[in-house]
Amino acid sequence: MIRRIAIGALLAIAASSGVGHAADPRYPDWPCAQAKVPEISLAAVWAGPPLDDVQNKWKEDAKISALVEKLAARRTPLDDAQKAITDFLTASAADKTNAGKLLFAGLFDALNAQRSSVMNGIERVTRKQREAAEKIRADTLALQALQSASSPDQAKVDELSNQLLWETRIFEDRQRVVRFVCEVPTTIDQRLFALGRTIQQEME
């Protein structure tokens, strides 16, 4: 049992080598295979009319603000979000262009903020993982020292073994979560692009 714990801890430490070495030195806490792009480029997701004259004005319209919140929520299926856009802009026929610009400006702001929050969370977890890896490494060495003593204190060996097992499980669970969450910024990019395209099509 103790041997399995030690092997598990060593595997966690080996996995942590990826925690401390970011692909891009500008972002030392970014662990994802996907390159870190701090903000979505407007040009990458919007080919409609310029938005300069509607910046932040979407917040002044209660109906658009509520719709932006609904559309930006990942729990809203993309198909439902696109239908809501079509319904809204059809009802705004008198000023469809301005309504579409306001709606996209709101989505751009909301999804960029959502994306930044996710990326900041990933980096916070990476820093915790780095600290956890150091703790696992230290506790593994301490366990080996206890086991190598001429008269091992079995109670201490058992206590540290249990602690190391718990630390290793938490570390591995976080690693799995990070791998999953690394996909979220790309998902947000794709959602914004798809919604922007729907808005543009309705404005034409």
N, C-alpha and C. Protein backbone atom coordinates (compact mmCIF):
# COMPACT_ATOMS: atom_id res chain seq x y z
N MET A 1 0.84 -1.21 0.00
CA MET A 1 0.00 0.00 0.00
C MET A 1 0.87 1.25 0.00
N ILE A 2 1.87 1.25 0.88
CA ILE A 2 2.76 2.41 0.98
C ILE A 2 3.53 2.59 -0.33
N ARG A 3 3.91 1.45 -0.92
CA ARG A 3 4.64 1.52 -2.20
C ARG A 3 3.76 2.15 -3.28
N ARG A 4 2.46 1.76 -3.30
CA ARG A 4 1.54 2.33 -4.29
C ARG A 4 1.38 3.83 -4.09
N ILE A 5 1.32 4.25 -2.81
CA ILE A 5 1.20 5.67 -2.50
C ILE A 5 2.42 6.43 -3.02
N ALA A 6 3.60 5.87 -2.77
CA ALA A 6 4.83 6.53 -3.20
C ALA A 6 4.89 6.64 -4.71
N ILE A 7 4.48 5.54 -5.40
CA ILE A 7 4.49 5.56 -6.87
C ILE A 7 3.50 6.60 -7.38
N GLY A 8 2.30 6.65 -6.77
CA GLY A 8 1.30 7.63 -7.18
C GLY A 8 1.80 9.05 -6.98
N ALA A 9 2.46 9.28 -5.86
CA ALA A 9 3.00 10.61 -5.58
C ALA A 9 4.07 10.99 -6.59
N LEU A 10 4.93 10.02 -6.93
CA LEU A 10 5.99 10.30 -7.89
C LEU A 10 5.42 10.57 -9.28
N LEU A 11 4.35 9.86 -9.63
CA LEU A 11 3.69 10.13 -10.92
C LEU A 11 3.10 11.53 -10.94
N ALA A 12 2.52 11.95 -9.80
CA ALA A 12 1.95 13.30 -9.72
C ALA A 12 3.04 14.34 -9.87
N ILE A 13 4.20 14.07 -9.26
CA ILE A 13 5.32 15.00 -9.38
C ILE A 13 5.79 15.07 -10.82
N ALA A 14 5.84 13.89 -11.49
CA ALA A 14 6.24 13.87 -12.90
C ALA A 14 5.27 14.69 -13.74
N ALA A 15 3.98 14.54 -13.45
CA ALA A 15 2.97 15.31 -14.19
C ALA A 15 3.12 16.79 -13.95
N SER A 16 3.60 17.15 -12.76
CA SER A 16 3.72 18.56 -12.41
C SER A 16 4.80 19.26 -13.20
N SER A 17 5.66 18.49 -13.88
CA SER A 17 6.70 19.14 -14.68
C SER A 17 6.08 20.04 -15.74
N GLY A 18 4.86 19.65 -16.21
CA GLY A 18 4.15 20.48 -17.17
C GLY A 18 3.55 21.71 -16.53
N VAL A 19 3.34 21.68 -15.20
CA VAL A 19 2.76 22.82 -14.50
C VAL A 19 3.74 23.98 -14.45
N GLY A 20 5.00 23.68 -14.32
CA GLY A 20 5.97 24.74 -14.10
C GLY A 20 6.62 25.28 -15.36
N HIS A 21 6.31 24.65 -16.53
CA HIS A 21 6.97 25.07 -17.76
C HIS A 21 5.94 25.43 -18.82
N ALA A 22 5.63 26.71 -18.90
CA ALA A 22 4.64 27.17 -19.86
C ALA A 22 5.25 27.21 -21.26
N ALA A 23 4.39 26.97 -22.26
CA ALA A 23 4.87 27.00 -23.65
C ALA A 23 5.28 28.42 -24.05
N ASP A 24 4.59 29.41 -23.51
CA ASP A 24 4.87 30.81 -23.83
C ASP A 24 5.42 31.50 -22.59
N PRO A 25 6.68 31.92 -22.61
CA PRO A 25 7.29 32.53 -21.42
C PRO A 25 6.59 33.81 -20.96
N ARG A 26 5.79 34.41 -21.83
CA ARG A 26 5.06 35.63 -21.42
C ARG A 26 3.98 35.29 -20.41
N TYR A 27 3.52 34.05 -20.42
CA TYR A 27 2.43 33.63 -19.54
C TYR A 27 2.86 32.38 -18.76
N PRO A 28 3.71 32.56 -17.76
CA PRO A 28 4.30 31.42 -17.04
C PRO A 28 3.29 30.53 -16.32
N ASP A 29 2.10 31.05 -16.04
CA ASP A 29 1.09 30.26 -15.32
C ASP A 29 0.04 29.66 -16.25
N TRP A 30 0.25 29.76 -17.56
CA TRP A 30 -0.73 29.23 -18.52
C TRP A 30 -0.35 27.80 -18.89
N PRO A 31 -1.15 26.80 -18.48
CA PRO A 31 -0.77 25.40 -18.66
C PRO A 31 -1.35 24.73 -19.91
N CYS A 32 -2.23 25.41 -20.62
CA CYS A 32 -2.98 24.76 -21.69
C CYS A 32 -2.15 24.59 -22.97
N ALA A 33 -2.49 23.55 -23.72
CA ALA A 33 -1.84 23.34 -25.02
C ALA A 33 -2.21 24.47 -25.98
N GLN A 34 -3.44 24.98 -25.81
CA GLN A 34 -3.88 26.09 -26.65
C GLN A 34 -3.11 27.36 -26.26
N ALA A 35 -2.67 28.11 -27.25
CA ALA A 35 -1.95 29.35 -26.96
C ALA A 35 -2.87 30.31 -26.22
N LYS A 36 -2.31 31.06 -25.27
CA LYS A 36 -3.10 32.04 -24.55
C LYS A 36 -3.24 33.31 -25.38
N VAL A 37 -4.47 33.68 -25.68
CA VAL A 37 -4.78 34.94 -26.35
C VAL A 37 -5.63 35.73 -25.36
N PRO A 38 -5.05 36.75 -24.70
CA PRO A 38 -5.75 37.42 -23.59
C PRO A 38 -7.13 37.96 -23.93
N GLU A 39 -7.31 38.48 -25.14
CA GLU A 39 -8.61 39.02 -25.52
C GLU A 39 -8.97 38.59 -26.93
N ILE A 40 -10.27 38.44 -27.17
CA ILE A 40 -10.74 38.12 -28.51
C ILE A 40 -10.57 39.37 -29.39
N SER A 41 -10.06 39.18 -30.57
CA SER A 41 -9.93 40.29 -31.53
C SER A 41 -11.28 40.54 -32.19
N LEU A 42 -11.72 41.79 -32.18
CA LEU A 42 -13.00 42.13 -32.81
C LEU A 42 -13.01 41.74 -34.28
N ALA A 43 -11.90 41.97 -34.97
CA ALA A 43 -11.83 41.67 -36.40
C ALA A 43 -11.98 40.18 -36.69
N ALA A 44 -11.64 39.34 -35.70
CA ALA A 44 -11.72 37.89 -35.91
C ALA A 44 -13.14 37.36 -35.82
N VAL A 45 -14.04 38.13 -35.21
CA VAL A 45 -15.40 37.63 -34.98
C VAL A 45 -16.50 38.53 -35.54
N TRP A 46 -16.12 39.65 -36.13
CA TRP A 46 -17.14 40.61 -36.60
C TRP A 46 -16.72 41.23 -37.92
N ALA A 47 -17.56 41.04 -38.94
CA ALA A 47 -17.30 41.64 -40.24
C ALA A 47 -18.40 42.62 -40.61
N GLY A 48 -19.21 42.98 -39.61
CA GLY A 48 -20.31 43.92 -39.83
C GLY A 48 -19.85 45.36 -39.77
N PRO A 49 -20.79 46.29 -39.70
CA PRO A 49 -20.45 47.72 -39.66
C PRO A 49 -19.68 48.08 -38.39
N PRO A 50 -18.89 49.16 -38.43
CA PRO A 50 -18.11 49.57 -37.25
C PRO A 50 -19.00 49.75 -36.01
N LEU A 51 -18.40 49.46 -34.85
CA LEU A 51 -19.16 49.55 -33.59
C LEU A 51 -18.75 50.76 -32.75
N ASP A 52 -17.91 51.62 -33.31
CA ASP A 52 -17.38 52.74 -32.54
C ASP A 52 -18.47 53.62 -31.93
N ASP A 53 -19.57 53.78 -32.63
CA ASP A 53 -20.61 54.70 -32.16
C ASP A 53 -21.57 54.05 -31.15
N VAL A 54 -21.37 52.77 -30.84
CA VAL A 54 -22.28 52.11 -29.89
C VAL A 54 -21.55 51.53 -28.67
N GLN A 55 -20.26 51.82 -28.56
CA GLN A 55 -19.50 51.29 -27.44
C GLN A 55 -20.17 51.64 -26.11
N ASN A 56 -20.43 50.62 -25.30
CA ASN A 56 -21.03 50.76 -23.96
C ASN A 56 -22.49 51.23 -23.96
N LYS A 57 -23.01 51.66 -25.10
CA LYS A 57 -24.40 52.14 -25.13
C LYS A 57 -25.40 51.01 -24.95
N TRP A 58 -24.96 49.77 -25.25
CA TRP A 58 -25.86 48.62 -25.09
C TRP A 58 -26.32 48.48 -23.63
N LYS A 59 -25.50 48.94 -22.69
CA LYS A 59 -25.84 48.84 -21.27
C LYS A 59 -27.02 49.75 -20.90
N GLU A 60 -27.25 50.75 -21.72
CA GLU A 60 -28.33 51.71 -21.43
C GLU A 60 -29.70 51.19 -21.88
N ASP A 61 -29.71 50.09 -22.62
CA ASP A 61 -30.97 49.52 -23.13
C ASP A 61 -31.27 48.26 -22.33
N ALA A 62 -32.31 48.31 -21.50
CA ALA A 62 -32.63 47.19 -20.61
C ALA A 62 -32.94 45.91 -21.38
N LYS A 63 -33.64 46.04 -22.51
CA LYS A 63 -34.01 44.86 -23.29
C LYS A 63 -32.77 44.19 -23.88
N ILE A 64 -31.87 45.00 -24.42
CA ILE A 64 -30.65 44.44 -25.01
C ILE A 64 -29.75 43.86 -23.92
N SER A 65 -29.64 44.55 -22.80
CA SER A 65 -28.81 44.04 -21.70
C SER A 65 -29.30 42.67 -21.23
N ALA A 66 -30.61 42.51 -21.11
CA ALA A 66 -31.18 41.23 -20.69
C ALA A 66 -30.91 40.14 -21.73
N LEU A 67 -31.03 40.51 -23.00
CA LEU A 67 -30.79 39.54 -24.07
C LEU A 67 -29.31 39.14 -24.13
N VAL A 68 -28.44 40.11 -23.95
CA VAL A 68 -27.00 39.81 -23.93
C VAL A 68 -26.69 38.80 -22.83
N GLU A 69 -27.26 39.01 -21.65
CA GLU A 69 -27.03 38.09 -20.53
C GLU A 69 -27.48 36.67 -20.89
N LYS A 70 -28.63 36.57 -21.52
CA LYS A 70 -29.16 35.26 -21.91
C LYS A 70 -28.29 34.60 -22.98
N LEU A 71 -27.90 35.36 -23.98
CA LEU A 71 -27.13 34.82 -25.09
C LEU A 71 -25.71 34.44 -24.68
N ALA A 72 -25.14 35.19 -23.75
CA ALA A 72 -23.77 34.94 -23.32
C ALA A 72 -23.65 33.72 -22.42
N ALA A 73 -24.75 33.32 -21.79
CA ALA A 73 -24.72 32.19 -20.86
C ALA A 73 -24.52 30.88 -21.62
N ARG A 74 -23.50 30.12 -21.25
CA ARG A 74 -23.22 28.86 -21.95
C ARG A 74 -24.33 27.84 -21.75
N ARG A 75 -25.15 28.04 -20.71
CA ARG A 75 -26.26 27.10 -20.49
C ARG A 75 -27.37 27.29 -21.53
N THR A 76 -27.35 28.42 -22.25
CA THR A 76 -28.32 28.64 -23.32
C THR A 76 -27.80 27.95 -24.57
N PRO A 77 -28.49 26.91 -25.07
CA PRO A 77 -28.03 26.22 -26.28
C PRO A 77 -27.83 27.20 -27.43
N LEU A 78 -26.84 26.93 -28.25
CA LEU A 78 -26.51 27.84 -29.35
C LEU A 78 -27.70 28.03 -30.29
N ASP A 79 -28.41 26.97 -30.59
CA ASP A 79 -29.57 27.08 -31.48
C ASP A 79 -30.62 28.03 -30.90
N ASP A 80 -30.86 27.90 -29.59
CA ASP A 80 -31.83 28.78 -28.92
C ASP A 80 -31.35 30.23 -28.96
N ALA A 81 -30.06 30.42 -28.75
CA ALA A 81 -29.50 31.77 -28.77
C ALA A 81 -29.66 32.40 -30.15
N GLN A 82 -29.38 31.63 -31.19
CA GLN A 82 -29.50 32.15 -32.54
C GLN A 82 -30.96 32.49 -32.89
N LYS A 83 -31.89 31.66 -32.42
CA LYS A 83 -33.31 31.95 -32.66
C LYS A 83 -33.74 33.23 -31.94
N ALA A 84 -33.22 33.40 -30.70
CA ALA A 84 -33.55 34.61 -29.94
C ALA A 84 -33.05 35.86 -30.66
N ILE A 85 -31.88 35.75 -31.29
CA ILE A 85 -31.33 36.88 -32.06
C ILE A 85 -32.24 37.19 -33.24
N THR A 86 -32.61 36.15 -33.97
CA THR A 86 -33.48 36.33 -35.14
C THR A 86 -34.81 36.97 -34.74
N ASP A 87 -35.41 36.47 -33.67
CA ASP A 87 -36.69 37.02 -33.21
C ASP A 87 -36.54 38.48 -32.81
N PHE A 88 -35.47 38.78 -32.09
CA PHE A 88 -35.26 40.15 -31.61
C PHE A 88 -35.06 41.13 -32.77
N LEU A 89 -34.20 40.74 -33.71
CA LEU A 89 -33.90 41.66 -34.81
C LEU A 89 -35.06 41.76 -35.80
N THR A 90 -35.85 40.73 -35.93
CA THR A 90 -37.04 40.80 -36.78
C THR A 90 -38.02 41.82 -36.20
N ALA A 91 -38.12 41.82 -34.87
CA ALA A 91 -39.01 42.78 -34.20
C ALA A 91 -38.44 44.19 -34.19
N SER A 92 -37.15 44.33 -34.53
CA SER A 92 -36.50 45.65 -34.53
C SER A 92 -36.31 46.17 -35.95
N ALA A 93 -37.22 45.77 -36.83
CA ALA A 93 -37.06 46.07 -38.26
C ALA A 93 -36.81 47.55 -38.54
N ALA A 94 -37.43 48.42 -37.77
CA ALA A 94 -37.31 49.86 -38.02
C ALA A 94 -35.87 50.34 -37.85
N ASP A 95 -35.12 49.70 -36.98
CA ASP A 95 -33.73 50.13 -36.73
C ASP A 95 -32.86 48.90 -36.50
N LYS A 96 -32.97 47.97 -37.44
CA LYS A 96 -32.30 46.68 -37.28
C LYS A 96 -30.78 46.81 -37.21
N THR A 97 -30.21 47.70 -37.99
CA THR A 97 -28.75 47.86 -38.01
C THR A 97 -28.24 48.31 -36.65
N ASN A 98 -28.86 49.34 -36.10
CA ASN A 98 -28.40 49.85 -34.80
C ASN A 98 -28.62 48.81 -33.70
N ALA A 99 -29.77 48.12 -33.75
CA ALA A 99 -30.05 47.09 -32.74
C ALA A 99 -29.04 45.96 -32.83
N GLY A 100 -28.70 45.57 -34.05
CA GLY A 100 -27.71 44.50 -34.23
C GLY A 100 -26.34 44.90 -33.72
N LYS A 101 -25.95 46.14 -33.99
CA LYS A 101 -24.65 46.63 -33.51
C LYS A 101 -24.61 46.67 -31.99
N LEU A 102 -25.68 47.17 -31.39
CA LEU A 102 -25.74 47.22 -29.92
C LEU A 102 -25.67 45.82 -29.33
N LEU A 103 -26.40 44.89 -29.93
CA LEU A 103 -26.44 43.53 -29.42
C LEU A 103 -25.07 42.88 -29.51
N PHE A 104 -24.39 43.04 -30.65
CA PHE A 104 -23.08 42.42 -30.76
C PHE A 104 -22.06 43.09 -29.85
N ALA A 105 -22.14 44.42 -29.72
CA ALA A 105 -21.21 45.11 -28.81
C ALA A 105 -21.35 44.56 -27.40
N GLY A 106 -22.59 44.30 -26.98
CA GLY A 106 -22.82 43.73 -25.67
C GLY A 106 -22.27 42.33 -25.55
N LEU A 107 -22.51 41.51 -26.57
CA LEU A 107 -21.98 40.14 -26.55
C LEU A 107 -20.46 40.12 -26.54
N PHE A 108 -19.87 41.01 -27.31
CA PHE A 108 -18.41 41.07 -27.36
C PHE A 108 -17.84 41.39 -25.98
N ASP A 109 -18.42 42.39 -25.32
CA ASP A 109 -17.96 42.76 -23.98
C ASP A 109 -18.19 41.62 -22.98
N ALA A 110 -19.39 41.05 -23.00
CA ALA A 110 -19.76 40.03 -22.01
C ALA A 110 -18.93 38.76 -22.17
N LEU A 111 -18.74 38.31 -23.40
CA LEU A 111 -18.01 37.06 -23.60
C LEU A 111 -16.51 37.24 -23.43
N ASN A 112 -16.00 38.43 -23.74
CA ASN A 112 -14.59 38.69 -23.45
C ASN A 112 -14.34 38.67 -21.94
N ALA A 113 -15.27 39.26 -21.17
CA ALA A 113 -15.15 39.27 -19.71
C ALA A 113 -15.26 37.85 -19.16
N GLN A 114 -16.20 37.08 -19.70
CA GLN A 114 -16.38 35.69 -19.27
C GLN A 114 -15.12 34.88 -19.55
N ARG A 115 -14.56 35.10 -20.70
CA ARG A 115 -13.34 34.39 -21.12
C ARG A 115 -12.15 34.74 -20.23
N SER A 116 -12.02 36.04 -19.91
CA SER A 116 -10.92 36.48 -19.04
C SER A 116 -11.05 35.85 -17.66
N SER A 117 -12.28 35.77 -17.16
CA SER A 117 -12.51 35.16 -15.84
C SER A 117 -12.09 33.70 -15.84
N VAL A 118 -12.43 32.97 -16.91
CA VAL A 118 -12.05 31.55 -17.01
C VAL A 118 -10.53 31.42 -17.05
N MET A 119 -9.87 32.25 -17.85
CA MET A 119 -8.41 32.14 -17.98
C MET A 119 -7.70 32.51 -16.67
N ASN A 120 -8.22 33.51 -15.97
CA ASN A 120 -7.63 33.86 -14.67
C ASN A 120 -7.78 32.70 -13.69
N GLY A 121 -8.93 32.02 -13.75
CA GLY A 121 -9.15 30.86 -12.88
C GLY A 121 -8.18 29.74 -13.19
N ILE A 122 -7.94 29.49 -14.47
CA ILE A 122 -6.99 28.44 -14.87
C ILE A 122 -5.60 28.76 -14.32
N GLU A 123 -5.20 30.01 -14.40
CA GLU A 123 -3.86 30.38 -13.93
C GLU A 123 -3.76 30.31 -12.40
N ARG A 124 -4.87 30.62 -11.71
CA ARG A 124 -4.86 30.48 -10.25
C ARG A 124 -4.66 29.01 -9.86
N VAL A 125 -5.36 28.12 -10.56
CA VAL A 125 -5.23 26.69 -10.27
C VAL A 125 -3.81 26.22 -10.58
N THR A 126 -3.22 26.73 -11.64
CA THR A 126 -1.85 26.35 -12.00
C THR A 126 -0.88 26.71 -10.88
N ARG A 127 -1.06 27.90 -10.30
CA ARG A 127 -0.18 28.29 -9.20
C ARG A 127 -0.37 27.37 -7.99
N LYS A 128 -1.64 27.01 -7.71
CA LYS A 128 -1.90 26.07 -6.62
C LYS A 128 -1.27 24.71 -6.91
N GLN A 129 -1.33 24.28 -8.16
CA GLN A 129 -0.74 22.99 -8.53
C GLN A 129 0.77 22.99 -8.35
N ARG A 130 1.39 24.11 -8.66
CA ARG A 130 2.84 24.20 -8.49
C ARG A 130 3.20 24.06 -7.00
N GLU A 131 2.42 24.74 -6.16
CA GLU A 131 2.65 24.64 -4.71
C GLU A 131 2.37 23.21 -4.22
N ALA A 132 1.30 22.61 -4.75
CA ALA A 132 0.93 21.25 -4.33
C ALA A 132 2.02 20.26 -4.74
N ALA A 133 2.59 20.43 -5.93
CA ALA A 133 3.65 19.53 -6.39
C ALA A 133 4.87 19.60 -5.48
N GLU A 134 5.21 20.81 -5.05
CA GLU A 134 6.34 20.97 -4.12
C GLU A 134 6.05 20.27 -2.79
N LYS A 135 4.80 20.38 -2.32
CA LYS A 135 4.42 19.73 -1.05
C LYS A 135 4.48 18.21 -1.20
N ILE A 136 3.99 17.69 -2.32
CA ILE A 136 4.04 16.24 -2.56
C ILE A 136 5.49 15.76 -2.61
N ARG A 137 6.32 16.53 -3.29
CA ARG A 137 7.73 16.17 -3.39
C ARG A 137 8.37 16.11 -2.00
N ALA A 138 8.12 17.13 -1.18
CA ALA A 138 8.71 17.18 0.16
C ALA A 138 8.18 16.04 1.03
N ASP A 139 6.88 15.78 0.94
CA ASP A 139 6.29 14.72 1.77
C ASP A 139 6.75 13.34 1.31
N THR A 140 6.98 13.17 0.01
CA THR A 140 7.50 11.89 -0.49
C THR A 140 8.90 11.63 0.08
N LEU A 141 9.74 12.66 0.06
CA LEU A 141 11.09 12.52 0.63
C LEU A 141 11.03 12.24 2.12
N ALA A 142 10.09 12.91 2.82
CA ALA A 142 9.96 12.69 4.26
C ALA A 142 9.49 11.26 4.55
N LEU A 143 8.57 10.75 3.72
CA LEU A 143 8.10 9.37 3.90
C LEU A 143 9.22 8.38 3.67
N GLN A 144 10.01 8.61 2.63
CA GLN A 144 11.14 7.73 2.36
C GLN A 144 12.14 7.73 3.52
N ALA A 145 12.35 8.91 4.11
CA ALA A 145 13.27 9.01 5.24
C ALA A 145 12.74 8.23 6.44
N LEU A 146 11.43 8.35 6.71
CA LEU A 146 10.82 7.60 7.81
C LEU A 146 10.94 6.09 7.59
N GLN A 147 10.71 5.67 6.37
CA GLN A 147 10.77 4.23 6.06
C GLN A 147 12.19 3.69 6.14
N SER A 148 13.16 4.56 5.90
CA SER A 148 14.57 4.11 5.90
C SER A 148 15.20 4.12 7.29
N ALA A 149 14.48 4.66 8.26
CA ALA A 149 15.03 4.72 9.62
C ALA A 149 15.26 3.31 10.17
N SER A 150 16.24 3.19 11.06
CA SER A 150 16.56 1.88 11.62
C SER A 150 15.38 1.29 12.39
N SER A 151 14.60 2.17 13.05
CA SER A 151 13.39 1.72 13.74
C SER A 151 12.24 2.62 13.32
N PRO A 152 11.62 2.32 12.18
CA PRO A 152 10.57 3.20 11.66
C PRO A 152 9.41 3.37 12.64
N ASP A 153 8.94 4.61 12.77
CA ASP A 153 7.76 4.89 13.58
C ASP A 153 6.55 4.63 12.69
N GLN A 154 5.93 3.46 12.88
CA GLN A 154 4.86 3.05 11.97
C GLN A 154 3.67 4.00 12.00
N ALA A 155 3.38 4.57 13.17
CA ALA A 155 2.25 5.51 13.27
C ALA A 155 2.50 6.74 12.39
N LYS A 156 3.73 7.25 12.43
CA LYS A 156 4.07 8.41 11.60
C LYS A 156 4.09 8.05 10.12
N VAL A 157 4.59 6.84 9.82
CA VAL A 157 4.60 6.37 8.43
C VAL A 157 3.18 6.31 7.89
N ASP A 158 2.28 5.74 8.69
CA ASP A 158 0.88 5.62 8.26
C ASP A 158 0.23 7.00 8.09
N GLU A 159 0.50 7.89 9.03
CA GLU A 159 -0.09 9.23 8.97
C GLU A 159 0.37 9.98 7.73
N LEU A 160 1.68 9.93 7.48
CA LEU A 160 2.20 10.66 6.32
C LEU A 160 1.77 9.99 5.02
N SER A 161 1.65 8.67 5.03
CA SER A 161 1.18 7.95 3.84
C SER A 161 -0.24 8.37 3.48
N ASN A 162 -1.10 8.45 4.49
CA ASN A 162 -2.48 8.87 4.25
C ASN A 162 -2.54 10.31 3.75
N GLN A 163 -1.71 11.17 4.34
CA GLN A 163 -1.67 12.56 3.91
C GLN A 163 -1.21 12.67 2.46
N LEU A 164 -0.19 11.89 2.12
CA LEU A 164 0.35 11.92 0.76
C LEU A 164 -0.67 11.37 -0.25
N LEU A 165 -1.39 10.36 0.16
CA LEU A 165 -2.42 9.80 -0.71
C LEU A 165 -3.49 10.86 -1.01
N TRP A 166 -3.91 11.58 0.02
CA TRP A 166 -4.93 12.63 -0.13
C TRP A 166 -4.41 13.75 -1.02
N GLU A 167 -3.18 14.19 -0.77
CA GLU A 167 -2.58 15.28 -1.57
C GLU A 167 -2.48 14.89 -3.04
N THR A 168 -2.09 13.63 -3.28
CA THR A 168 -1.93 13.16 -4.65
C THR A 168 -3.27 13.10 -5.38
N ARG A 169 -4.30 12.64 -4.67
CA ARG A 169 -5.63 12.58 -5.28
C ARG A 169 -6.14 13.97 -5.66
N ILE A 170 -5.96 14.93 -4.76
CA ILE A 170 -6.40 16.31 -5.04
C ILE A 170 -5.64 16.86 -6.24
N PHE A 171 -4.34 16.61 -6.28
CA PHE A 171 -3.51 17.08 -7.39
C PHE A 171 -4.01 16.52 -8.71
N GLU A 172 -4.24 15.21 -8.74
CA GLU A 172 -4.66 14.56 -9.98
C GLU A 172 -6.05 15.03 -10.41
N ASP A 173 -6.95 15.22 -9.43
CA ASP A 173 -8.29 15.72 -9.75
C ASP A 173 -8.23 17.11 -10.38
N ARG A 174 -7.38 17.97 -9.82
CA ARG A 174 -7.23 19.32 -10.37
C ARG A 174 -6.67 19.27 -11.79
N GLN A 175 -5.71 18.37 -12.02
CA GLN A 175 -5.13 18.26 -13.35
C GLN A 175 -6.20 17.90 -14.38
N ARG A 176 -7.10 16.99 -14.01
CA ARG A 176 -8.18 16.60 -14.92
C ARG A 176 -9.11 17.78 -15.19
N VAL A 177 -9.42 18.53 -14.14
CA VAL A 177 -10.31 19.70 -14.30
C VAL A 177 -9.67 20.74 -15.20
N VAL A 178 -8.38 20.98 -15.01
CA VAL A 178 -7.68 21.99 -15.83
C VAL A 178 -7.71 21.59 -17.30
N ARG A 179 -7.48 20.30 -17.59
CA ARG A 179 -7.51 19.85 -18.99
C ARG A 179 -8.88 20.12 -19.61
N PHE A 180 -9.93 19.93 -18.84
CA PHE A 180 -11.28 20.17 -19.34
C PHE A 180 -11.52 21.68 -19.53
N VAL A 181 -11.15 22.46 -18.52
CA VAL A 181 -11.43 23.90 -18.57
C VAL A 181 -10.59 24.60 -19.63
N CYS A 182 -9.45 24.03 -19.99
CA CYS A 182 -8.62 24.62 -21.06
C CYS A 182 -9.38 24.75 -22.38
N GLU A 183 -10.43 23.95 -22.56
CA GLU A 183 -11.21 24.01 -23.79
C GLU A 183 -12.20 25.18 -23.79
N VAL A 184 -12.51 25.71 -22.60
CA VAL A 184 -13.59 26.69 -22.49
C VAL A 184 -13.32 27.99 -23.26
N PRO A 185 -12.12 28.60 -23.17
CA PRO A 185 -11.91 29.83 -23.94
C PRO A 185 -12.17 29.66 -25.43
N THR A 186 -11.76 28.52 -25.99
CA THR A 186 -12.00 28.26 -27.41
C THR A 186 -13.49 28.13 -27.69
N THR A 187 -14.21 27.48 -26.78
CA THR A 187 -15.66 27.34 -26.91
C THR A 187 -16.33 28.71 -26.91
N ILE A 188 -15.86 29.61 -26.05
CA ILE A 188 -16.40 30.98 -26.00
C ILE A 188 -16.12 31.71 -27.31
N ASP A 189 -14.90 31.58 -27.83
CA ASP A 189 -14.55 32.19 -29.12
C ASP A 189 -15.52 31.74 -30.20
N GLN A 190 -15.75 30.43 -30.25
CA GLN A 190 -16.62 29.87 -31.29
C GLN A 190 -18.06 30.35 -31.13
N ARG A 191 -18.50 30.47 -29.88
CA ARG A 191 -19.87 30.94 -29.63
C ARG A 191 -20.03 32.39 -30.10
N LEU A 192 -19.06 33.23 -29.76
CA LEU A 192 -19.14 34.63 -30.15
C LEU A 192 -19.13 34.77 -31.67
N PHE A 193 -18.28 33.99 -32.34
CA PHE A 193 -18.21 34.05 -33.80
C PHE A 193 -19.55 33.63 -34.41
N ALA A 194 -20.13 32.54 -33.90
CA ALA A 194 -21.40 32.04 -34.43
C ALA A 194 -22.54 33.04 -34.21
N LEU A 195 -22.59 33.63 -33.02
CA LEU A 195 -23.65 34.60 -32.73
C LEU A 195 -23.46 35.87 -33.55
N GLY A 196 -22.21 36.28 -33.72
CA GLY A 196 -21.93 37.46 -34.53
C GLY A 196 -22.35 37.25 -35.98
N ARG A 197 -22.11 36.06 -36.48
CA ARG A 197 -22.49 35.75 -37.86
C ARG A 197 -24.03 35.79 -38.02
N THR A 198 -24.72 35.26 -37.00
CA THR A 198 -26.20 35.30 -37.04
C THR A 198 -26.71 36.73 -37.07
N ILE A 199 -26.12 37.58 -36.22
CA ILE A 199 -26.52 38.99 -36.18
C ILE A 199 -26.29 39.65 -37.54
N GLN A 200 -25.12 39.42 -38.13
CA GLN A 200 -24.80 40.02 -39.42
C GLN A 200 -25.77 39.56 -40.51
N GLN A 201 -26.10 38.28 -40.50
CA GLN A 201 -27.02 37.76 -41.51
C GLN A 201 -28.40 38.41 -41.38
N GLU A 202 -28.83 38.63 -40.13
CA GLU A 202 -30.15 39.25 -39.91
C GLU A 202 -30.13 40.74 -40.27
N MET A 203 -28.97 41.36 -40.20
CA MET A 203 -28.86 42.78 -40.50
C MET A 203 -28.84 43.04 -42.00
N GLU A 204 -28.47 42.04 -42.77
CA GLU A 204 -28.32 42.23 -44.22
C GLU A 204 -29.67 42.41 -44.92
